[in-house]
PDB file of N, CA and C in Angstrom:
ATOM      1  N   MET A   1       3.042  -5.505   7.376  1.00  0.00           N
ATOM      2  CA  MET A   1       2.906  -5.889   6.000  1.00  0.00           C
ATOM      3  C   MET A   1       1.489  -6.387   5.734  1.00  0.00           C
ATOM      4  N   MET A   2       0.968  -7.206   6.613  1.00  0.00           N
ATOM      5  CA  MET A   2      -0.368  -7.760   6.401  1.00  0.00           C
ATOM      6  C   MET A   2      -1.428  -6.659   6.394  1.00  0.00           C
ATOM      7  N   LEU A   3      -1.275  -5.655   7.260  1.00  0.00           N
ATOM      8  CA  LEU A   3      -2.226  -4.546   7.264  1.00  0.00           C
ATOM      9  C   LEU A   3      -2.194  -3.794   5.941  1.00  0.00           C
ATOM     10  N   ASP A   4      -1.014  -3.608   5.389  1.00  0.00           N
ATOM     11  CA  ASP A   4      -0.886  -2.913   4.112  1.00  0.00           C
ATOM     12  C   ASP A   4      -1.535  -3.724   2.991  1.00  0.00           C
ATOM     13  N   ILE A   5      -1.357  -5.030   3.014  1.00  0.00           N
ATOM     14  CA  ILE A   5      -1.979  -5.889   2.002  1.00  0.00           C
ATOM     15  C   ILE A   5      -3.498  -5.798   2.102  1.00  0.00           C
ATOM     16  N   VAL A   6      -4.026  -5.931   3.306  1.00  0.00           N
ATOM     17  CA  VAL A   6      -5.485  -5.850   3.494  1.00  0.00           C
ATOM     18  C   VAL A   6      -6.003  -4.486   3.058  1.00  0.00           C
ATOM     19  N   ASP A   7      -5.273  -3.447   3.355  1.00  0.00           N
ATOM     20  CA  ASP A   7      -5.701  -2.093   3.012  1.00  0.00           C
ATOM     21  C   ASP A   7      -5.660  -1.834   1.506  1.00  0.00           C
ATOM     22  N   ASN A   8      -4.894  -2.615   0.757  1.00  0.00           N
ATOM     23  CA  ASN A   8      -4.740  -2.377  -0.678  1.00  0.00           C
ATOM     24  C   ASN A   8      -5.328  -3.461  -1.569  1.00  0.00           C
ATOM     25  N   LEU A   9      -6.201  -4.283  -1.033  1.00  0.00           N
ATOM     26  CA  LEU A   9      -6.857  -5.281  -1.876  1.00  0.00           C
ATOM     27  C   LEU A   9      -7.736  -4.559  -2.889  1.00  0.00           C
ATOM     28  N   PRO A  10      -7.539  -4.817  -4.186  1.00  0.00           N
ATOM     29  CA  PRO A  10      -8.230  -4.028  -5.205  1.00  0.00           C
ATOM     30  C   PRO A  10      -9.749  -4.169  -5.202  1.00  0.00           C
ATOM     31  N   ARG A  11     -10.267  -5.307  -4.839  1.00  0.00           N
ATOM     32  CA  ARG A  11     -11.723  -5.492  -4.884  1.00  0.00           C
ATOM     33  C   ARG A  11     -12.379  -5.396  -3.511  1.00  0.00           C
ATOM     34  N   LEU A  12     -11.602  -5.035  -2.517  1.00  0.00           N
ATOM     35  CA  LEU A  12     -12.141  -4.912  -1.167  1.00  0.00           C
ATOM     36  C   LEU A  12     -11.532  -3.676  -0.514  1.00  0.00           C
ATOM     37  N   ARG A  13     -11.932  -2.518  -0.979  1.00  0.00           N
ATOM     38  CA  ARG A  13     -11.393  -1.268  -0.438  1.00  0.00           C
ATOM     39  C   ARG A  13     -11.978  -1.014   0.942  1.00  0.00           C
ATOM     40  N   MET A  14     -11.108  -0.701   1.882  1.00  0.00           N
ATOM     41  CA  MET A  14     -11.538  -0.401   3.244  1.00  0.00           C
ATOM     42  C   MET A  14     -11.662   1.113   3.407  1.00  0.00           C
ATOM     43  N   SER A  15     -12.714   1.516   4.070  1.00  0.00           N
ATOM     44  CA  SER A  15     -12.842   2.941   4.377  1.00  0.00           C
ATOM     45  C   SER A  15     -11.852   3.292   5.483  1.00  0.00           C
ATOM     46  N   SER A  16     -11.578   4.573   5.613  1.00  0.00           N
ATOM     47  CA  SER A  16     -10.676   5.025   6.679  1.00  0.00           C
ATOM     48  C   SER A  16     -11.241   4.675   8.041  1.00  0.00           C
ATOM     49  N   ASN A  17     -12.547   4.814   8.209  1.00  0.00           N
ATOM     50  CA  ASN A  17     -13.160   4.504   9.500  1.00  0.00           C
ATOM     51  C   ASN A  17     -13.049   3.021   9.837  1.00  0.00           C
ATOM     52  N   LEU A  18     -13.253   2.155   8.848  1.00  0.00           N
ATOM     53  CA  LEU A  18     -13.122   0.720   9.096  1.00  0.00           C
ATOM     54  C   LEU A  18     -11.678   0.366   9.432  1.00  0.00           C
ATOM     55  N   PHE A  19     -10.728   0.983   8.738  1.00  0.00           N
ATOM     56  CA  PHE A  19      -9.328   0.699   9.022  1.00  0.00           C
ATOM     57  C   PHE A  19      -8.943   1.181  10.422  1.00  0.00           C
ATOM     58  N   ARG A  20      -9.465   2.339  10.824  1.00  0.00           N
ATOM     59  CA  ARG A  20      -9.227   2.820  12.199  1.00  0.00           C
ATOM     60  C   ARG A  20      -9.764   1.821  13.216  1.00  0.00           C
ATOM     61  N   MET A  21     -10.930   1.223  12.914  1.00  0.00           N
ATOM     62  CA  MET A  21     -11.514   0.246  13.821  1.00  0.00           C
ATOM     63  C   MET A  21     -10.637  -1.002  13.911  1.00  0.00           C
ATOM     64  N   VAL A  22     -10.089  -1.444  12.788  1.00  0.00           N
ATOM     65  CA  VAL A  22      -9.201  -2.616  12.795  1.00  0.00           C
ATOM     66  C   VAL A  22      -7.983  -2.345  13.682  1.00  0.00           C
ATOM     67  N   LEU A  23      -7.387  -1.172  13.538  1.00  0.00           N
ATOM     68  CA  LEU A  23      -6.248  -0.819  14.388  1.00  0.00           C
ATOM     69  C   LEU A  23      -6.643  -0.776  15.864  1.00  0.00           C
ATOM     70  N   TRP A  24      -7.816  -0.242  16.144  1.00  0.00           N
ATOM     71  CA  TRP A  24      -8.302  -0.171  17.523  1.00  0.00           C
ATOM     72  C   TRP A  24      -8.481  -1.574  18.096  1.00  0.00           C
ATOM     73  N   VAL A  25      -9.077  -2.493  17.309  1.00  0.00           N
ATOM     74  CA  VAL A  25      -9.285  -3.871  17.772  1.00  0.00           C
ATOM     75  C   VAL A  25      -7.947  -4.547  18.059  1.00  0.00           C
ATOM     76  N   LEU A  26      -6.961  -4.304  17.211  1.00  0.00           N
ATOM     77  CA  LEU A  26      -5.642  -4.889  17.439  1.00  0.00           C
ATOM     78  C   LEU A  26      -5.038  -4.390  18.744  1.00  0.00           C
ATOM     79  N   LYS A  27      -5.184  -3.082  19.009  1.00  0.00           N
ATOM     80  CA  LYS A  27      -4.668  -2.519  20.263  1.00  0.00           C
ATOM     81  C   LYS A  27      -5.408  -3.088  21.462  1.00  0.00           C
ATOM     82  N   GLU A  28      -6.737  -3.159  21.360  1.00  0.00           N
ATOM     83  CA  GLU A  28      -7.550  -3.674  22.467  1.00  0.00           C
ATOM     84  C   GLU A  28      -7.300  -5.153  22.722  1.00  0.00           C
ATOM     85  N   SER A  29      -6.813  -5.866  21.706  1.00  0.00           N
ATOM     86  CA  SER A  29      -6.516  -7.296  21.846  1.00  0.00           C
ATOM     87  C   SER A  29      -5.184  -7.546  22.527  1.00  0.00           C
ATOM     88  N   GLY A  30      -4.465  -6.457  22.808  1.00  0.00           N
ATOM     89  CA  GLY A  30      -3.212  -6.590  23.532  1.00  0.00           C
ATOM     90  C   GLY A  30      -1.979  -6.720  22.661  1.00  0.00           C
ATOM     91  N   LEU A  31      -2.117  -6.533  21.366  1.00  0.00           N
ATOM     92  CA  LEU A  31      -0.943  -6.582  20.496  1.00  0.00           C
ATOM     93  C   LEU A  31      -0.044  -5.397  20.784  1.00  0.00           C
ATOM     94  N   SER A  32       1.255  -5.635  20.734  1.00  0.00           N
ATOM     95  CA  SER A  32       2.196  -4.541  20.946  1.00  0.00           C
ATOM     96  C   SER A  32       2.607  -3.970  19.596  1.00  0.00           C
ATOM     97  N   ASN A  33       3.073  -2.759  19.617  1.00  0.00           N
ATOM     98  CA  ASN A  33       3.576  -2.072  18.423  1.00  0.00           C
ATOM     99  C   ASN A  33       2.535  -1.873  17.326  1.00  0.00           C
ATOM    100  N   VAL A  34       1.276  -1.692  17.694  1.00  0.00           N
ATOM    101  CA  VAL A  34       0.240  -1.378  16.707  1.00  0.00           C
ATOM    102  C   VAL A  34       0.360   0.112  16.397  1.00  0.00           C
ATOM    103  N   PRO A  35       0.552   0.466  15.137  1.00  0.00           N
ATOM    104  CA  PRO A  35       0.737   1.882  14.809  1.00  0.00           C
ATOM    105  C   PRO A  35      -0.572   2.656  14.898  1.00  0.00           C
ATOM    106  N   SER A  36      -0.456   3.948  15.071  1.00  0.00           N
ATOM    107  CA  SER A  36      -1.646   4.792  14.992  1.00  0.00           C
ATOM    108  C   SER A  36      -2.039   4.868  13.524  1.00  0.00           C
ATOM    109  N   TYR A  37      -3.242   5.312  13.255  1.00  0.00           N
ATOM    110  CA  TYR A  37      -3.720   5.453  11.878  1.00  0.00           C
ATOM    111  C   TYR A  37      -2.806   6.393  11.089  1.00  0.00           C
ATOM    112  N   GLU A  38      -2.482   7.520  11.709  1.00  0.00           N
ATOM    113  CA  GLU A  38      -1.641   8.519  11.035  1.00  0.00           C
ATOM    114  C   GLU A  38      -0.235   7.961  10.751  1.00  0.00           C
ATOM    115  N   ALA A  39       0.331   7.239  11.717  1.00  0.00           N
ATOM    116  CA  ALA A  39       1.661   6.656  11.534  1.00  0.00           C
ATOM    117  C   ALA A  39       1.645   5.604  10.428  1.00  0.00           C
ATOM    118  N   PHE A  40       0.559   4.839  10.360  1.00  0.00           N
ATOM    119  CA  PHE A  40       0.451   3.819   9.322  1.00  0.00           C
ATOM    120  C   PHE A  40       0.363   4.451   7.937  1.00  0.00           C
ATOM    121  N   ARG A  41      -0.445   5.500   7.795  1.00  0.00           N
ATOM    122  CA  ARG A  41      -0.577   6.187   6.507  1.00  0.00           C
ATOM    123  C   ARG A  41       0.757   6.832   6.096  1.00  0.00           C
ATOM    124  N   LYS A  42       1.486   7.370   7.070  1.00  0.00           N
ATOM    125  CA  LYS A  42       2.791   7.972   6.773  1.00  0.00           C
ATOM    126  C   LYS A  42       3.759   6.890   6.285  1.00  0.00           C
ATOM    127  N   LEU A  43       3.746   5.731   6.926  1.00  0.00           N
ATOM    128  CA  LEU A  43       4.599   4.630   6.501  1.00  0.00           C
ATOM    129  C   LEU A  43       4.255   4.199   5.073  1.00  0.00           C
ATOM    130  N   GLN A  44       2.956   4.102   4.765  1.00  0.00           N
ATOM    131  CA  GLN A  44       2.547   3.743   3.407  1.00  0.00           C
ATOM    132  C   GLN A  44       3.056   4.758   2.386  1.00  0.00           C
ATOM    133  N   THR A  45       2.942   6.034   2.706  1.00  0.00           N
ATOM    134  CA  THR A  45       3.408   7.091   1.811  1.00  0.00           C
ATOM    135  C   THR A  45       4.912   6.990   1.599  1.00  0.00           C
ATOM    136  N   ASP A  46       5.652   6.792   2.693  1.00  0.00           N
ATOM    137  CA  ASP A  46       7.110   6.658   2.596  1.00  0.00           C
ATOM    138  C   ASP A  46       7.501   5.443   1.752  1.00  0.00           C
ATOM    139  N   LEU A  47       6.812   4.317   1.961  1.00  0.00           N
ATOM    140  CA  LEU A  47       7.106   3.113   1.186  1.00  0.00           C
ATOM    141  C   LEU A  47       6.826   3.326  -0.298  1.00  0.00           C
ATOM    142  N   ARG A  48       5.715   3.988  -0.588  1.00  0.00           N
ATOM    143  CA  ARG A  48       5.357   4.245  -1.983  1.00  0.00           C
ATOM    144  C   ARG A  48       6.416   5.105  -2.659  1.00  0.00           C
ATOM    145  N   LYS A  49       6.946   6.093  -1.926  1.00  0.00           N
ATOM    146  CA  LYS A  49       7.989   6.961  -2.482  1.00  0.00           C
ATOM    147  C   LYS A  49       9.293   6.196  -2.687  1.00  0.00           C
ATOM    148  N   ARG A  50       9.647   5.347  -1.735  1.00  0.00           N
ATOM    149  CA  ARG A  50      10.923   4.650  -1.781  1.00  0.00           C
ATOM    150  C   ARG A  50      10.905   3.416  -2.668  1.00  0.00           C
ATOM    151  N   CYS A  51       9.773   2.728  -2.728  1.00  0.00           N
ATOM    152  CA  CYS A  51       9.735   1.422  -3.394  1.00  0.00           C
ATOM    153  C   CYS A  51       8.773   1.347  -4.565  1.00  0.00           C
ATOM    154  N   GLY A  52       7.952   2.342  -4.740  1.00  0.00           N
ATOM    155  CA  GLY A  52       6.940   2.282  -5.782  1.00  0.00           C
ATOM    156  C   GLY A  52       7.472   2.659  -7.143  1.00  0.00           C
ATOM    157  N   SER A  53       6.688   2.372  -8.151  1.00  0.00           N
ATOM    158  CA  SER A  53       7.031   2.794  -9.499  1.00  0.00           C
ATOM    159  C   SER A  53       5.800   3.451 -10.112  1.00  0.00           C
ATOM    160  N   GLU A  54       6.036   4.378 -10.999  1.00  0.00           N
ATOM    161  CA  GLU A  54       4.937   5.091 -11.642  1.00  0.00           C
ATOM    162  C   GLU A  54       4.410   4.281 -12.822  1.00  0.00           C
ATOM    163  N   PRO A  55       3.112   3.998 -12.831  1.00  0.00           N
ATOM    164  CA  PRO A  55       2.553   3.285 -13.982  1.00  0.00           C
ATOM    165  C   PRO A  55       2.514   4.188 -15.216  1.00  0.00           C
ATOM    166  N   THR A  56       2.644   3.585 -16.373  1.00  0.00           N
ATOM    167  CA  THR A  56       2.590   4.340 -17.620  1.00  0.00           C
ATOM    168  C   THR A  56       1.264   4.071 -18.326  1.00  0.00           C
ATOM    169  N   GLU A  57       0.781   5.073 -19.020  1.00  0.00           N
ATOM    170  CA  GLU A  57      -0.498   4.961 -19.722  1.00  0.00           C
ATOM    171  C   GLU A  57      -0.298   4.241 -21.055  1.00  0.00           C
ATOM    172  N   HIS A  58      -1.220   3.338 -21.366  1.00  0.00           N
ATOM    173  CA  HIS A  58      -1.207   2.611 -22.637  1.00  0.00           C
ATOM    174  C   HIS A  58      -2.610   2.654 -23.222  1.00  0.00           C
ATOM    175  N   LYS A  59      -2.701   2.479 -24.543  1.00  0.00           N
ATOM    176  CA  LYS A  59      -3.993   2.469 -25.223  1.00  0.00           C
ATOM    177  C   LYS A  59      -4.100   1.174 -26.016  1.00  0.00           C
ATOM    178  N   SER A  60      -5.193   0.435 -25.799  1.00  0.00           N
ATOM    179  CA  SER A  60      -5.382  -0.827 -26.504  1.00  0.00           C
ATOM    180  C   SER A  60      -5.822  -0.568 -27.947  1.00  0.00           C
ATOM    181  N   SER A  61      -5.825  -1.622 -28.749  1.00  0.00           N
ATOM    182  CA  SER A  61      -6.244  -1.491 -30.139  1.00  0.00           C
ATOM    183  C   SER A  61      -7.715  -1.097 -30.255  1.00  0.00           C
ATOM    184  N   LEU A  62      -8.492  -1.335 -29.198  1.00  0.00           N
ATOM    185  CA  LEU A  62      -9.901  -0.934 -29.183  1.00  0.00           C
ATOM    186  C   LEU A  62     -10.092   0.480 -28.656  1.00  0.00           C
ATOM    187  N   GLY A  63      -8.993   1.124 -28.272  1.00  0.00           N
ATOM    188  CA  GLY A  63      -9.073   2.492 -27.786  1.00  0.00           C
ATOM    189  C   GLY A  63      -9.224   2.624 -26.281  1.00  0.00           C
ATOM    190  N   ASN A  64      -9.202   1.509 -25.565  1.00  0.00           N
ATOM    191  CA  ASN A  64      -9.300   1.556 -24.110  1.00  0.00           C
ATOM    192  C   ASN A  64      -7.972   2.006 -23.519  1.00  0.00           C
ATOM    193  N   ILE A  65      -8.042   2.853 -22.518  1.00  0.00           N
ATOM    194  CA  ILE A  65      -6.839   3.338 -21.840  1.00  0.00           C
ATOM    195  C   ILE A  65      -6.644   2.530 -20.565  1.00  0.00           C
ATOM    196  N   PHE A  66      -5.406   2.070 -20.356  1.00  0.00           N
ATOM    197  CA  PHE A  66      -5.086   1.345 -19.132  1.00  0.00           C
ATOM    198  C   PHE A  66      -3.682   1.739 -18.700  1.00  0.00           C
ATOM    199  N   TYR A  67      -3.355   1.443 -17.455  1.00  0.00           N
ATOM    200  CA  TYR A  67      -2.052   1.798 -16.890  1.00  0.00           C
ATOM    201  C   TYR A  67      -1.340   0.524 -16.468  1.00  0.00           C
ATOM    202  N   MET A  68      -0.022   0.535 -16.639  1.00  0.00           N
ATOM    203  CA  MET A  68       0.749  -0.657 -16.331  1.00  0.00           C
ATOM    204  C   MET A  68       2.105  -0.268 -15.751  1.00  0.00           C
ATOM    205  N   ASN A  69       2.534  -1.005 -14.730  1.00  0.00           N
ATOM    206  CA  ASN A  69       3.868  -0.814 -14.178  1.00  0.00           C
ATOM    207  C   ASN A  69       4.878  -1.517 -15.070  1.00  0.00           C
ATOM    208  N   SER A  70       6.088  -1.029 -15.080  1.00  0.00           N
ATOM    209  CA  SER A  70       7.162  -1.643 -15.843  1.00  0.00           C
ATOM    210  C   SER A  70       7.581  -2.941 -15.156  1.00  0.00           C
ATOM    211  N   ILE A  71       7.456  -4.043 -15.862  1.00  0.00           N
ATOM    212  CA  ILE A  71       7.834  -5.341 -15.291  1.00  0.00           C
ATOM    213  C   ILE A  71       9.338  -5.365 -15.031  1.00  0.00           C
ATOM    214  N   LYS A  72      10.107  -4.799 -15.944  1.00  0.00           N
ATOM    215  CA  LYS A  72      11.566  -4.759 -15.785  1.00  0.00           C
ATOM    216  C   LYS A  72      11.940  -3.994 -14.516  1.00  0.00           C
ATOM    217  N   GLU A  73      11.312  -2.828 -14.321  1.00  0.00           N
ATOM    218  CA  GLU A  73      11.606  -2.012 -13.136  1.00  0.00           C
ATOM    219  C   GLU A  73      11.159  -2.711 -11.858  1.00  0.00           C
ATOM    220  N   THR A  74      10.003  -3.342 -11.903  1.00  0.00           N
ATOM    221  CA  THR A  74       9.462  -4.006 -10.719  1.00  0.00           C
ATOM    222  C   THR A  74      10.321  -5.185 -10.304  1.00  0.00           C
ATOM    223  N   THR A  75      10.744  -6.017 -11.266  1.00  0.00           N
ATOM    224  CA  THR A  75      11.550  -7.190 -10.909  1.00  0.00           C
ATOM    225  C   THR A  75      12.975  -6.827 -10.529  1.00  0.00           C
ATOM    226  N   ALA A  76      13.480  -5.719 -11.050  1.00  0.00           N
ATOM    227  CA  ALA A  76      14.834  -5.293 -10.739  1.00  0.00           C
ATOM    228  C   ALA A  76      14.933  -4.558  -9.405  1.00  0.00           C
ATOM    229  N   GLN A  77      13.799  -4.128  -8.908  1.00  0.00           N
ATOM    230  CA  GLN A  77      13.797  -3.276  -7.729  1.00  0.00           C
ATOM    231  C   GLN A  77      13.979  -4.073  -6.432  1.00  0.00           C
ATOM    232  N   VAL A  78      14.862  -3.603  -5.599  1.00  0.00           N
ATOM    233  CA  VAL A  78      15.065  -4.171  -4.283  1.00  0.00           C
ATOM    234  C   VAL A  78      14.883  -3.032  -3.290  1.00  0.00           C
ATOM    235  N   CYS A  79      13.997  -3.238  -2.347  1.00  0.00           N
ATOM    236  CA  CYS A  79      13.727  -2.175  -1.376  1.00  0.00           C
ATOM    237  C   CYS A  79      13.935  -2.724   0.028  1.00  0.00           C
ATOM    238  N   TYR A  80      14.836  -2.125   0.757  1.00  0.00           N
ATOM    239  CA  TYR A  80      15.077  -2.490   2.130  1.00  0.00           C
ATOM    240  C   TYR A  80      14.549  -1.389   3.032  1.00  0.00           C
ATOM    241  N   LEU A  81      13.856  -1.779   4.075  1.00  0.00           N
ATOM    242  CA  LEU A  81      13.356  -0.795   5.028  1.00  0.00           C
ATOM    243  C   LEU A  81      14.420  -0.553   6.085  1.00  0.00           C
ATOM    244  N   GLN A  82      14.766   0.680   6.230  1.00  0.00           N
ATOM    245  CA  GLN A  82      15.727   1.051   7.251  1.00  0.00           C
ATOM    246  C   GLN A  82      15.050   2.064   8.161  1.00  0.00           C
ATOM    247  N   PRO A  83      15.188   1.879   9.469  1.00  0.00           N
ATOM    248  CA  PRO A  83      14.569   2.834  10.379  1.00  0.00           C
ATOM    249  C   PRO A  83      15.061   4.247  10.117  1.00  0.00           C
ATOM    250  N   SER A  84      14.161   5.193  10.173  1.00  0.00           N
ATOM    251  CA  SER A  84      14.533   6.594   9.937  1.00  0.00           C
ATOM    252  C   SER A  84      15.123   7.208  11.176  1.00  0.00           C
TER     253      SER A  84
END
């Protein structure tokens, strides 16, 4: 979970190479169950499909376009991870 949060910080985007290095450092530090880069990206994709919501486009009174997730859908959503 923490890796996913770090990888998705809006003002601190990590490059793929930097993220690969973080995973490598975790493995070299002796942590168990560190996923490979590919496995981590697959997990993120699966989570987004199972738990994500599609943002809808809105236009402000000044004509600016922005996207927003449904608060009702987000608060109502419960996502449990089950091993595949």
